[in-house]
């Protein structure tokens, strides 16, 4: 009996370790070169995702904002604050700020932001309530099973295209009716074959 308990415990610990934050980085905010608060910029200042992530609708990569984007505001406000000094230094030197990617998929995974956004998948579906994050962290594992849960049944997760960038969007009580209609209207396919993401 003790051998079975030992084997079961070992398997349980391995499973938990594989799914825990130390391997998935869920709920862990990496140290960034600048203490950039999405909460302040999105919630307090009302800045839309697309202002900084300019290519999210047209490219596979959402884009990390160049220093020029930051300086649009910070050449006028907080011009001498110590927290914005790295931005000013980057602007003067021409050297890009080396942000640490929070949502960094393995190289063997193909992912295209624009196709998801243009098919009615909202930013908060994957990235969570960034308007409540003083520092950005992952709220989802982004592992294959998590992605497949949406790919198998996109009607549960789709929203009107007009609501894709609405960080506070709440799925309506009639999502079971609305979802399939939007899937049909937006020509969303339930793609679960390996080559969809592994090319």
N, C-alpha and C. Protein backbone atom coordinates (compact mmCIF):
# COMPACT_ATOMS: atom_id res chain seq x y z
N UNK A 1 0.82 -1.20 0.00
CA UNK A 1 0.00 0.00 0.00
C UNK A 1 0.87 1.26 0.00
N UNK A 2 2.00 1.25 0.71
CA UNK A 2 2.85 2.43 0.78
C UNK A 2 3.51 2.74 -0.56
N UNK A 3 3.79 1.71 -1.37
CA UNK A 3 4.37 1.93 -2.70
C UNK A 3 3.36 2.65 -3.60
N UNK A 4 2.11 2.23 -3.52
CA UNK A 4 1.05 2.87 -4.32
C UNK A 4 0.86 4.32 -3.88
N UNK A 5 0.90 4.55 -2.58
CA UNK A 5 0.77 5.91 -2.06
C UNK A 5 1.94 6.77 -2.52
N UNK A 6 3.15 6.20 -2.47
CA UNK A 6 4.34 6.93 -2.90
C UNK A 6 4.26 7.29 -4.38
N UNK A 7 3.87 6.33 -5.22
CA UNK A 7 3.75 6.57 -6.66
C UNK A 7 2.67 7.62 -6.94
N UNK A 8 1.52 7.47 -6.29
CA UNK A 8 0.42 8.42 -6.48
C UNK A 8 0.83 9.82 -6.03
N UNK A 9 1.52 9.92 -4.91
CA UNK A 9 1.98 11.21 -4.40
C UNK A 9 2.98 11.85 -5.35
N UNK A 10 3.89 11.03 -5.87
CA UNK A 10 4.89 11.54 -6.81
C UNK A 10 4.23 12.08 -8.07
N UNK A 11 3.27 11.34 -8.60
CA UNK A 11 2.54 11.79 -9.79
C UNK A 11 1.78 13.08 -9.50
N UNK A 12 1.14 13.14 -8.33
CA UNK A 12 0.38 14.34 -7.96
C UNK A 12 1.29 15.55 -7.83
N UNK A 13 2.43 15.38 -7.18
CA UNK A 13 3.38 16.49 -7.02
C UNK A 13 3.92 16.94 -8.38
N UNK A 14 4.24 15.99 -9.25
CA UNK A 14 4.74 16.32 -10.59
C UNK A 14 3.69 17.08 -11.39
N UNK A 15 2.43 16.65 -11.29
CA UNK A 15 1.34 17.31 -12.01
C UNK A 15 1.17 18.74 -11.51
N UNK A 16 1.15 18.90 -10.18
CA UNK A 16 0.98 20.23 -9.60
C UNK A 16 2.16 21.13 -9.96
N UNK A 17 3.37 20.58 -9.91
CA UNK A 17 4.56 21.37 -10.27
C UNK A 17 4.51 21.81 -11.71
N UNK A 18 4.01 20.94 -12.59
CA UNK A 18 3.93 21.27 -14.01
C UNK A 18 2.88 22.34 -14.28
N UNK A 19 1.85 22.41 -13.46
CA UNK A 19 0.76 23.36 -13.65
C UNK A 19 0.85 24.58 -12.74
N UNK A 20 1.83 24.61 -11.85
CA UNK A 20 1.95 25.69 -10.88
C UNK A 20 2.60 26.93 -11.46
N UNK A 21 2.53 28.04 -10.72
CA UNK A 21 3.07 29.31 -11.22
C UNK A 21 4.57 29.29 -11.46
N UNK A 22 5.31 28.42 -10.78
CA UNK A 22 6.75 28.38 -10.99
C UNK A 22 7.12 27.84 -12.36
N UNK A 23 6.20 27.11 -13.01
CA UNK A 23 6.49 26.65 -14.38
C UNK A 23 5.65 27.37 -15.43
N UNK A 24 4.50 27.89 -15.05
CA UNK A 24 3.63 28.58 -16.01
C UNK A 24 3.76 30.09 -15.96
N UNK A 25 4.32 30.62 -14.88
CA UNK A 25 4.44 32.06 -14.63
C UNK A 25 3.11 32.77 -14.46
N UNK A 26 2.02 32.01 -14.24
CA UNK A 26 0.72 32.62 -14.01
C UNK A 26 0.76 33.38 -12.68
N UNK A 27 0.24 34.58 -12.70
CA UNK A 27 0.13 35.47 -11.54
C UNK A 27 1.48 35.98 -11.04
N UNK A 28 2.52 35.82 -11.84
CA UNK A 28 3.84 36.34 -11.47
C UNK A 28 4.21 37.48 -12.43
N UNK A 29 4.36 38.66 -11.89
CA UNK A 29 4.73 39.82 -12.72
C UNK A 29 6.24 39.88 -12.83
N UNK A 30 6.79 39.75 -14.04
CA UNK A 30 8.25 39.84 -14.16
C UNK A 30 8.74 41.27 -13.90
N UNK A 31 9.97 41.36 -13.48
CA UNK A 31 10.58 42.68 -13.25
C UNK A 31 10.83 43.32 -14.62
N UNK A 32 10.35 44.52 -14.78
CA UNK A 32 10.48 45.25 -16.04
C UNK A 32 11.49 46.39 -15.88
N UNK A 33 12.05 46.89 -16.96
CA UNK A 33 13.00 48.00 -16.86
C UNK A 33 12.36 49.30 -16.38
N UNK A 34 11.03 49.40 -16.53
CA UNK A 34 10.27 50.55 -16.05
C UNK A 34 9.03 50.01 -15.35
N UNK A 35 8.67 50.61 -14.25
CA UNK A 35 7.46 50.17 -13.53
C UNK A 35 6.23 50.71 -14.25
N UNK A 36 5.92 50.09 -15.38
CA UNK A 36 4.78 50.53 -16.18
C UNK A 36 3.51 49.91 -15.63
N UNK A 37 2.55 50.73 -15.27
CA UNK A 37 1.29 50.25 -14.71
C UNK A 37 0.19 50.31 -15.77
N UNK A 38 -0.29 49.12 -16.17
CA UNK A 38 -1.45 49.10 -17.05
C UNK A 38 -2.66 49.68 -16.33
N UNK A 39 -2.77 49.43 -15.04
CA UNK A 39 -3.90 49.97 -14.27
C UNK A 39 -3.96 51.49 -14.40
N UNK A 40 -2.83 52.14 -14.22
CA UNK A 40 -2.80 53.60 -14.31
C UNK A 40 -3.14 54.08 -15.73
N UNK A 41 -2.50 53.48 -16.72
CA UNK A 41 -2.67 53.96 -18.09
C UNK A 41 -4.03 53.58 -18.68
N UNK A 42 -4.51 52.38 -18.38
CA UNK A 42 -5.78 51.92 -18.96
C UNK A 42 -6.98 52.39 -18.15
N UNK A 43 -6.95 52.09 -16.86
CA UNK A 43 -8.11 52.42 -16.03
C UNK A 43 -8.17 53.91 -15.68
N UNK A 44 -7.07 54.44 -15.16
CA UNK A 44 -7.08 55.84 -14.72
C UNK A 44 -7.08 56.83 -15.88
N UNK A 45 -6.24 56.56 -16.90
CA UNK A 45 -6.11 57.50 -18.02
C UNK A 45 -7.00 57.17 -19.21
N UNK A 46 -7.58 55.95 -19.23
CA UNK A 46 -8.49 55.57 -20.30
C UNK A 46 -7.84 55.32 -21.65
N UNK A 47 -6.58 54.91 -21.65
CA UNK A 47 -5.87 54.66 -22.91
C UNK A 47 -6.28 53.28 -23.46
N UNK A 48 -6.69 53.26 -24.70
CA UNK A 48 -7.10 52.04 -25.40
C UNK A 48 -5.88 51.17 -25.70
N UNK A 49 -6.08 49.85 -25.69
CA UNK A 49 -5.00 48.89 -25.98
C UNK A 49 -4.24 49.24 -27.26
N UNK A 50 -4.99 49.66 -28.29
CA UNK A 50 -4.41 49.89 -29.62
C UNK A 50 -3.50 51.10 -29.69
N UNK A 51 -3.59 51.97 -28.70
CA UNK A 51 -2.71 53.15 -28.73
C UNK A 51 -1.25 52.72 -28.62
N UNK A 52 -0.99 51.76 -27.74
CA UNK A 52 0.39 51.27 -27.56
C UNK A 52 0.67 50.03 -28.39
N UNK A 53 -0.31 49.13 -28.47
CA UNK A 53 -0.13 47.89 -29.22
C UNK A 53 -0.74 48.08 -30.61
N UNK A 54 -0.03 48.85 -31.42
CA UNK A 54 -0.58 49.36 -32.68
C UNK A 54 -0.85 48.31 -33.75
N UNK A 55 -0.16 47.19 -33.71
CA UNK A 55 -0.31 46.22 -34.79
C UNK A 55 -1.23 45.05 -34.44
N UNK A 56 -1.93 45.15 -33.32
CA UNK A 56 -2.74 44.02 -32.85
C UNK A 56 -3.85 43.62 -33.84
N UNK A 57 -4.35 44.55 -34.63
CA UNK A 57 -5.43 44.24 -35.57
C UNK A 57 -4.94 43.80 -36.94
N UNK A 58 -3.66 44.00 -37.21
CA UNK A 58 -3.16 43.75 -38.56
C UNK A 58 -1.99 42.79 -38.64
N UNK A 59 -1.48 42.37 -37.50
CA UNK A 59 -0.25 41.58 -37.50
C UNK A 59 -0.37 40.39 -36.54
N UNK A 60 0.53 39.45 -36.72
CA UNK A 60 0.59 38.31 -35.81
C UNK A 60 1.07 38.70 -34.44
N UNK A 61 1.77 39.82 -34.33
CA UNK A 61 2.35 40.28 -33.07
C UNK A 61 1.67 41.58 -32.67
N UNK A 62 1.25 41.68 -31.43
CA UNK A 62 0.52 42.88 -30.98
C UNK A 62 1.40 44.11 -30.96
N UNK A 63 2.70 43.91 -30.86
CA UNK A 63 3.62 45.03 -30.85
C UNK A 63 3.93 45.54 -29.45
N UNK A 64 5.18 45.78 -29.22
CA UNK A 64 5.63 46.42 -27.98
C UNK A 64 5.89 47.87 -28.35
N UNK A 65 5.31 48.80 -27.62
CA UNK A 65 5.41 50.20 -28.05
C UNK A 65 6.84 50.73 -28.08
N UNK A 66 7.18 51.47 -29.12
CA UNK A 66 8.50 52.11 -29.16
C UNK A 66 8.51 53.29 -28.19
N UNK A 67 9.68 53.74 -27.87
CA UNK A 67 9.85 54.88 -26.95
C UNK A 67 9.08 56.10 -27.45
N UNK A 68 9.02 56.26 -28.74
CA UNK A 68 8.30 57.40 -29.33
C UNK A 68 6.85 57.46 -28.85
N UNK A 69 6.21 56.28 -28.71
CA UNK A 69 4.82 56.23 -28.23
C UNK A 69 4.73 56.77 -26.81
N UNK A 70 5.66 56.34 -25.96
CA UNK A 70 5.69 56.81 -24.57
C UNK A 70 5.91 58.32 -24.51
N UNK A 71 6.82 58.79 -25.37
CA UNK A 71 7.19 60.20 -25.36
C UNK A 71 6.08 61.11 -25.89
N UNK A 72 5.10 60.55 -26.57
CA UNK A 72 3.97 61.36 -27.03
C UNK A 72 3.35 62.09 -25.84
N UNK A 73 3.22 61.37 -24.73
CA UNK A 73 2.69 62.00 -23.52
C UNK A 73 3.81 62.51 -22.61
N UNK A 74 4.84 61.69 -22.45
CA UNK A 74 5.85 62.00 -21.43
C UNK A 74 6.87 63.06 -21.84
N UNK A 75 6.71 63.63 -23.03
CA UNK A 75 7.48 64.84 -23.35
C UNK A 75 6.74 66.06 -22.80
N UNK A 76 5.46 65.83 -22.36
CA UNK A 76 4.63 66.90 -21.84
C UNK A 76 4.33 66.76 -20.35
N UNK A 77 4.19 65.51 -19.89
CA UNK A 77 3.85 65.28 -18.48
C UNK A 77 4.86 64.35 -17.85
N UNK A 78 5.07 64.49 -16.57
CA UNK A 78 6.04 63.70 -15.81
C UNK A 78 7.42 63.80 -16.45
N UNK A 79 7.76 64.98 -16.90
CA UNK A 79 9.00 65.17 -17.67
C UNK A 79 10.27 65.12 -16.85
N UNK A 80 10.15 65.21 -15.54
CA UNK A 80 11.33 65.13 -14.69
C UNK A 80 11.22 64.04 -13.63
N UNK A 81 10.16 63.24 -13.70
CA UNK A 81 9.94 62.19 -12.70
C UNK A 81 11.00 61.10 -12.84
N UNK A 82 11.42 60.57 -11.72
CA UNK A 82 12.45 59.52 -11.75
C UNK A 82 11.91 58.25 -12.42
N UNK A 83 10.61 57.98 -12.28
CA UNK A 83 10.03 56.76 -12.85
C UNK A 83 10.06 56.79 -14.39
N UNK A 84 10.04 57.97 -14.98
CA UNK A 84 10.06 58.08 -16.44
C UNK A 84 11.46 58.36 -17.00
N UNK A 85 12.45 58.39 -16.13
CA UNK A 85 13.82 58.65 -16.58
C UNK A 85 14.30 57.63 -17.62
N UNK A 86 14.03 56.31 -17.45
CA UNK A 86 14.46 55.36 -18.48
C UNK A 86 13.85 55.65 -19.86
N UNK A 87 12.65 56.21 -19.87
CA UNK A 87 12.03 56.57 -21.15
C UNK A 87 12.81 57.71 -21.79
N UNK A 88 13.11 58.72 -21.00
CA UNK A 88 13.87 59.86 -21.52
C UNK A 88 15.27 59.43 -21.97
N UNK A 89 15.89 58.55 -21.19
CA UNK A 89 17.22 58.04 -21.56
C UNK A 89 17.17 57.28 -22.88
N UNK A 90 16.13 56.46 -23.05
CA UNK A 90 15.96 55.70 -24.29
C UNK A 90 15.76 56.65 -25.47
N UNK A 91 14.97 57.69 -25.26
CA UNK A 91 14.68 58.66 -26.31
C UNK A 91 15.95 59.40 -26.74
N UNK A 92 16.75 59.80 -25.76
CA UNK A 92 17.97 60.55 -26.06
C UNK A 92 19.04 59.67 -26.70
N UNK A 93 19.13 58.43 -26.25
CA UNK A 93 20.19 57.55 -26.77
C UNK A 93 19.79 56.83 -28.06
N UNK A 94 18.48 56.73 -28.29
CA UNK A 94 18.01 55.98 -29.46
C UNK A 94 18.01 54.47 -29.23
N UNK A 95 18.33 54.05 -28.01
CA UNK A 95 18.37 52.62 -27.67
C UNK A 95 17.00 52.21 -27.14
N UNK A 96 16.43 51.14 -27.70
CA UNK A 96 15.10 50.68 -27.29
C UNK A 96 15.08 50.20 -25.84
N UNK A 97 13.94 50.35 -25.23
CA UNK A 97 13.73 49.82 -23.88
C UNK A 97 13.58 48.31 -24.00
N UNK A 98 14.29 47.57 -23.21
CA UNK A 98 14.25 46.11 -23.30
C UNK A 98 13.20 45.54 -22.35
N UNK A 99 11.95 45.56 -22.81
CA UNK A 99 10.83 45.04 -22.02
C UNK A 99 10.95 43.52 -21.93
N UNK A 100 10.47 42.98 -20.84
CA UNK A 100 10.41 41.52 -20.66
C UNK A 100 9.02 41.07 -21.10
N UNK A 101 8.97 40.17 -22.09
CA UNK A 101 7.67 39.71 -22.58
C UNK A 101 6.98 38.88 -21.52
N UNK A 102 5.72 39.20 -21.28
CA UNK A 102 4.92 38.48 -20.28
C UNK A 102 4.25 37.28 -20.93
N UNK A 103 3.70 37.48 -22.11
CA UNK A 103 3.02 36.41 -22.85
C UNK A 103 3.94 35.98 -23.99
N UNK A 104 4.81 35.05 -23.69
CA UNK A 104 5.83 34.62 -24.65
C UNK A 104 5.64 33.14 -24.95
N UNK A 105 5.03 32.86 -26.08
CA UNK A 105 4.80 31.47 -26.46
C UNK A 105 6.08 30.83 -26.96
N UNK A 106 6.20 29.50 -26.83
CA UNK A 106 7.39 28.83 -27.36
C UNK A 106 7.51 29.03 -28.87
N UNK A 107 8.71 28.90 -29.38
CA UNK A 107 8.95 29.12 -30.81
C UNK A 107 8.21 28.12 -31.70
N UNK A 108 7.85 26.97 -31.14
CA UNK A 108 7.17 25.96 -31.97
C UNK A 108 5.66 26.20 -32.05
N UNK A 109 5.19 27.30 -31.47
CA UNK A 109 3.76 27.62 -31.50
C UNK A 109 3.54 28.83 -32.41
N UNK A 110 2.66 28.67 -33.39
CA UNK A 110 2.29 29.78 -34.25
C UNK A 110 1.04 30.43 -33.67
N UNK A 111 1.08 31.72 -33.47
CA UNK A 111 -0.08 32.45 -32.97
C UNK A 111 -0.16 33.78 -33.70
N UNK A 112 -1.36 34.15 -34.12
CA UNK A 112 -1.58 35.39 -34.83
C UNK A 112 -2.62 36.22 -34.09
N UNK A 113 -2.20 37.37 -33.55
CA UNK A 113 -3.13 38.23 -32.81
C UNK A 113 -4.28 38.71 -33.70
N UNK A 114 -3.94 39.15 -34.90
CA UNK A 114 -4.95 39.80 -35.74
C UNK A 114 -6.12 38.88 -36.07
N UNK A 115 -5.86 37.61 -36.32
CA UNK A 115 -6.97 36.72 -36.68
C UNK A 115 -7.93 36.55 -35.51
N UNK A 116 -7.39 36.49 -34.29
CA UNK A 116 -8.25 36.33 -33.11
C UNK A 116 -9.07 37.60 -32.86
N UNK A 117 -8.43 38.75 -32.92
CA UNK A 117 -9.12 40.02 -32.71
C UNK A 117 -10.20 40.22 -33.77
N UNK A 118 -9.87 39.93 -35.01
CA UNK A 118 -10.82 40.15 -36.11
C UNK A 118 -11.91 39.10 -36.19
N UNK A 119 -11.82 38.07 -35.38
CA UNK A 119 -12.89 37.06 -35.30
C UNK A 119 -13.71 37.19 -34.03
N UNK A 120 -13.46 38.26 -33.24
CA UNK A 120 -14.31 38.53 -32.09
C UNK A 120 -13.82 37.99 -30.76
N UNK A 121 -12.52 37.72 -30.65
CA UNK A 121 -11.96 37.29 -29.36
C UNK A 121 -11.35 38.52 -28.68
N UNK A 122 -11.86 38.85 -27.52
CA UNK A 122 -11.46 40.06 -26.82
C UNK A 122 -10.12 39.95 -26.12
N UNK A 123 -9.48 41.09 -25.95
CA UNK A 123 -8.17 41.15 -25.28
C UNK A 123 -8.23 40.50 -23.91
N UNK A 124 -9.27 40.83 -23.14
CA UNK A 124 -9.35 40.33 -21.77
C UNK A 124 -9.60 38.82 -21.71
N UNK A 125 -10.06 38.22 -22.80
CA UNK A 125 -10.25 36.77 -22.80
C UNK A 125 -8.95 36.03 -22.53
N UNK A 126 -7.86 36.57 -23.06
CA UNK A 126 -6.55 35.94 -22.87
C UNK A 126 -5.71 36.67 -21.83
N UNK A 127 -5.78 37.99 -21.82
CA UNK A 127 -4.89 38.78 -20.98
C UNK A 127 -5.48 39.20 -19.64
N UNK A 128 -6.78 38.94 -19.44
CA UNK A 128 -7.39 39.29 -18.18
C UNK A 128 -7.67 40.78 -18.05
N UNK A 129 -7.98 41.18 -16.85
CA UNK A 129 -8.33 42.57 -16.55
C UNK A 129 -7.06 43.39 -16.37
N UNK A 130 -6.41 43.72 -17.47
CA UNK A 130 -5.16 44.48 -17.38
C UNK A 130 -5.38 45.86 -16.75
N UNK A 131 -6.61 46.34 -16.80
CA UNK A 131 -6.93 47.62 -16.18
C UNK A 131 -6.88 47.56 -14.65
N UNK A 132 -6.67 46.38 -14.11
CA UNK A 132 -6.52 46.22 -12.66
C UNK A 132 -5.11 45.76 -12.28
N UNK A 133 -4.18 45.76 -13.23
CA UNK A 133 -2.83 45.26 -12.99
C UNK A 133 -1.82 46.40 -12.85
N UNK A 134 -1.32 46.63 -11.63
CA UNK A 134 -0.27 47.63 -11.48
C UNK A 134 0.97 47.23 -12.29
N UNK A 135 1.29 45.95 -12.30
CA UNK A 135 2.34 45.40 -13.16
C UNK A 135 1.72 44.22 -13.89
N UNK A 136 2.05 44.05 -15.15
CA UNK A 136 1.43 43.02 -15.99
C UNK A 136 1.87 41.62 -15.58
N UNK A 137 0.89 40.70 -15.55
CA UNK A 137 1.19 39.29 -15.31
C UNK A 137 0.25 38.45 -16.17
N UNK A 138 0.59 37.17 -16.31
CA UNK A 138 -0.27 36.24 -17.05
C UNK A 138 -1.39 35.77 -16.15
N UNK A 139 -2.61 35.73 -16.69
CA UNK A 139 -3.73 35.19 -15.93
C UNK A 139 -4.10 33.79 -16.41
N UNK A 140 -3.58 33.41 -17.56
CA UNK A 140 -3.85 32.09 -18.12
C UNK A 140 -2.52 31.41 -18.48
N UNK A 141 -2.53 30.09 -18.47
CA UNK A 141 -1.29 29.35 -18.73
C UNK A 141 -0.82 29.49 -20.17
N UNK A 142 -1.76 29.67 -21.09
CA UNK A 142 -1.49 29.67 -22.52
C UNK A 142 -0.95 28.32 -22.98
N UNK A 143 -1.21 27.28 -22.20
CA UNK A 143 -0.77 25.95 -22.65
C UNK A 143 -1.78 25.41 -23.67
N UNK A 144 -1.46 24.31 -24.27
CA UNK A 144 -2.26 23.80 -25.38
C UNK A 144 -3.70 23.49 -24.98
N UNK A 145 -3.90 22.87 -23.83
CA UNK A 145 -5.26 22.56 -23.39
C UNK A 145 -6.09 23.81 -23.21
N UNK A 146 -5.46 24.86 -22.69
CA UNK A 146 -6.20 26.11 -22.48
C UNK A 146 -6.63 26.69 -23.83
N UNK A 147 -5.73 26.72 -24.79
CA UNK A 147 -6.06 27.23 -26.14
C UNK A 147 -7.14 26.38 -26.80
N UNK A 148 -7.02 25.06 -26.66
CA UNK A 148 -7.98 24.16 -27.30
C UNK A 148 -9.38 24.30 -26.73
N UNK A 149 -9.50 24.72 -25.47
CA UNK A 149 -10.84 24.89 -24.89
C UNK A 149 -11.64 25.92 -25.70
N UNK A 150 -10.97 26.93 -26.21
CA UNK A 150 -11.63 27.93 -27.04
C UNK A 150 -11.78 27.43 -28.48
N UNK A 151 -10.73 26.81 -28.99
CA UNK A 151 -10.78 26.33 -30.37
C UNK A 151 -11.85 25.26 -30.57
N UNK A 152 -12.10 24.47 -29.55
CA UNK A 152 -13.12 23.42 -29.66
C UNK A 152 -14.53 24.00 -29.62
N UNK A 153 -14.72 25.08 -28.88
CA UNK A 153 -16.05 25.67 -28.74
C UNK A 153 -15.95 27.20 -28.69
N UNK A 154 -15.62 27.81 -29.84
CA UNK A 154 -15.43 29.27 -29.86
C UNK A 154 -16.68 30.07 -29.51
N UNK A 155 -17.86 29.48 -29.64
CA UNK A 155 -19.09 30.21 -29.35
C UNK A 155 -19.16 30.68 -27.90
N UNK A 156 -18.50 29.99 -27.00
CA UNK A 156 -18.51 30.38 -25.59
C UNK A 156 -17.69 31.65 -25.35
N UNK A 157 -16.71 31.90 -26.22
CA UNK A 157 -15.74 32.96 -25.96
C UNK A 157 -15.82 34.14 -26.91
N UNK A 158 -16.58 34.01 -27.97
CA UNK A 158 -16.67 35.07 -28.97
C UNK A 158 -17.55 36.21 -28.46
N UNK A 159 -17.27 37.40 -28.94
CA UNK A 159 -18.07 38.57 -28.59
C UNK A 159 -18.24 39.43 -29.83
N UNK A 160 -19.16 40.37 -29.83
CA UNK A 160 -19.28 41.26 -30.99
C UNK A 160 -17.96 41.97 -31.23
N UNK A 161 -17.60 42.16 -32.49
CA UNK A 161 -16.33 42.81 -32.83
C UNK A 161 -16.22 44.20 -32.21
N UNK A 162 -17.36 44.86 -32.04
CA UNK A 162 -17.35 46.20 -31.44
C UNK A 162 -16.94 46.17 -29.96
N UNK A 163 -16.93 44.97 -29.36
CA UNK A 163 -16.60 44.83 -27.94
C UNK A 163 -15.23 44.19 -27.69
N UNK A 164 -14.48 43.91 -28.74
CA UNK A 164 -13.20 43.21 -28.60
C UNK A 164 -12.25 43.96 -27.67
N UNK A 165 -12.21 45.28 -27.75
CA UNK A 165 -11.28 46.07 -26.95
C UNK A 165 -11.92 46.63 -25.67
N UNK A 166 -13.13 46.19 -25.39
CA UNK A 166 -13.81 46.61 -24.16
C UNK A 166 -13.30 45.73 -23.02
N UNK A 167 -12.44 46.26 -22.21
CA UNK A 167 -11.78 45.49 -21.15
C UNK A 167 -12.78 45.05 -20.08
N UNK A 168 -13.91 45.73 -19.97
CA UNK A 168 -14.92 45.39 -18.96
C UNK A 168 -16.10 44.62 -19.52
N UNK A 169 -15.94 44.07 -20.71
CA UNK A 169 -17.04 43.34 -21.35
C UNK A 169 -17.47 42.14 -20.50
N UNK A 170 -18.77 41.99 -20.36
CA UNK A 170 -19.35 40.84 -19.65
C UNK A 170 -20.19 40.06 -20.66
N UNK A 171 -19.97 38.75 -20.69
CA UNK A 171 -20.76 37.92 -21.60
C UNK A 171 -22.22 37.97 -21.16
N UNK A 172 -23.13 38.15 -22.13
CA UNK A 172 -24.55 38.28 -21.78
C UNK A 172 -25.16 36.93 -21.37
N UNK A 173 -26.31 37.00 -20.74
CA UNK A 173 -27.02 35.79 -20.29
C UNK A 173 -27.39 34.91 -21.49
N UNK A 174 -27.55 35.52 -22.66
CA UNK A 174 -27.93 34.75 -23.85
C UNK A 174 -26.72 34.37 -24.72
N UNK A 175 -25.53 34.23 -24.11
CA UNK A 175 -24.33 33.88 -24.87
C UNK A 175 -24.51 32.56 -25.62
N UNK A 176 -25.29 31.63 -25.07
CA UNK A 176 -25.53 30.35 -25.74
C UNK A 176 -26.25 30.55 -27.08
N UNK A 177 -27.01 31.63 -27.21
CA UNK A 177 -27.67 31.95 -28.48
C UNK A 177 -26.81 32.88 -29.34
N UNK A 178 -26.23 33.88 -28.68
CA UNK A 178 -25.44 34.88 -29.40
C UNK A 178 -24.16 34.29 -29.97
N UNK A 179 -23.47 33.46 -29.19
CA UNK A 179 -22.20 32.89 -29.61
C UNK A 179 -22.26 32.18 -30.95
N UNK A 180 -23.15 31.20 -31.12
CA UNK A 180 -23.24 30.51 -32.41
C UNK A 180 -23.58 31.45 -33.58
N UNK A 181 -24.39 32.48 -33.32
CA UNK A 181 -24.72 33.45 -34.38
C UNK A 181 -23.47 34.21 -34.82
N UNK A 182 -22.66 34.63 -33.83
CA UNK A 182 -21.43 35.36 -34.15
C UNK A 182 -20.41 34.46 -34.84
N UNK A 183 -20.33 33.20 -34.41
CA UNK A 183 -19.43 32.25 -35.04
C UNK A 183 -19.78 32.12 -36.52
N UNK A 184 -21.06 32.03 -36.82
CA UNK A 184 -21.51 31.92 -38.22
C UNK A 184 -21.26 33.23 -38.98
N UNK A 185 -21.61 34.35 -38.36
CA UNK A 185 -21.47 35.66 -39.02
C UNK A 185 -20.00 35.98 -39.31
N UNK A 186 -19.09 35.63 -38.39
CA UNK A 186 -17.68 35.95 -38.55
C UNK A 186 -16.89 34.83 -39.22
N UNK A 187 -17.59 33.79 -39.63
CA UNK A 187 -16.95 32.65 -40.32
C UNK A 187 -15.82 32.04 -39.48
N UNK A 188 -16.12 31.82 -38.21
CA UNK A 188 -15.14 31.24 -37.30
C UNK A 188 -15.16 29.73 -37.44
N UNK A 189 -13.99 29.16 -37.59
CA UNK A 189 -13.87 27.71 -37.70
C UNK A 189 -13.34 27.14 -36.39
N UNK A 190 -13.75 25.94 -36.09
CA UNK A 190 -13.24 25.27 -34.90
C UNK A 190 -12.00 24.48 -35.32
N UNK A 191 -10.86 25.16 -35.36
CA UNK A 191 -9.63 24.55 -35.84
C UNK A 191 -8.87 23.88 -34.70
N UNK A 192 -8.79 22.55 -34.76
CA UNK A 192 -8.09 21.81 -33.70
C UNK A 192 -7.03 20.87 -34.25
N UNK A 193 -6.77 20.93 -35.55
CA UNK A 193 -5.73 20.08 -36.09
C UNK A 193 -4.36 20.66 -35.72
N UNK A 194 -3.37 19.82 -35.63
CA UNK A 194 -2.03 20.22 -35.14
C UNK A 194 -1.43 21.37 -35.95
N UNK A 195 -1.62 21.34 -37.27
CA UNK A 195 -0.95 22.32 -38.14
C UNK A 195 -1.50 23.74 -37.95
N UNK A 196 -2.64 23.88 -37.29
CA UNK A 196 -3.17 25.22 -37.03
C UNK A 196 -2.18 26.04 -36.21
N UNK A 197 -1.59 25.42 -35.21
CA UNK A 197 -0.67 26.14 -34.32
C UNK A 197 0.78 25.69 -34.41
N UNK A 198 1.01 24.51 -34.96
CA UNK A 198 2.38 23.98 -35.05
C UNK A 198 2.75 23.87 -36.52
N UNK A 199 3.48 24.87 -37.03
CA UNK A 199 3.81 24.93 -38.46
C UNK A 199 5.30 24.80 -38.67
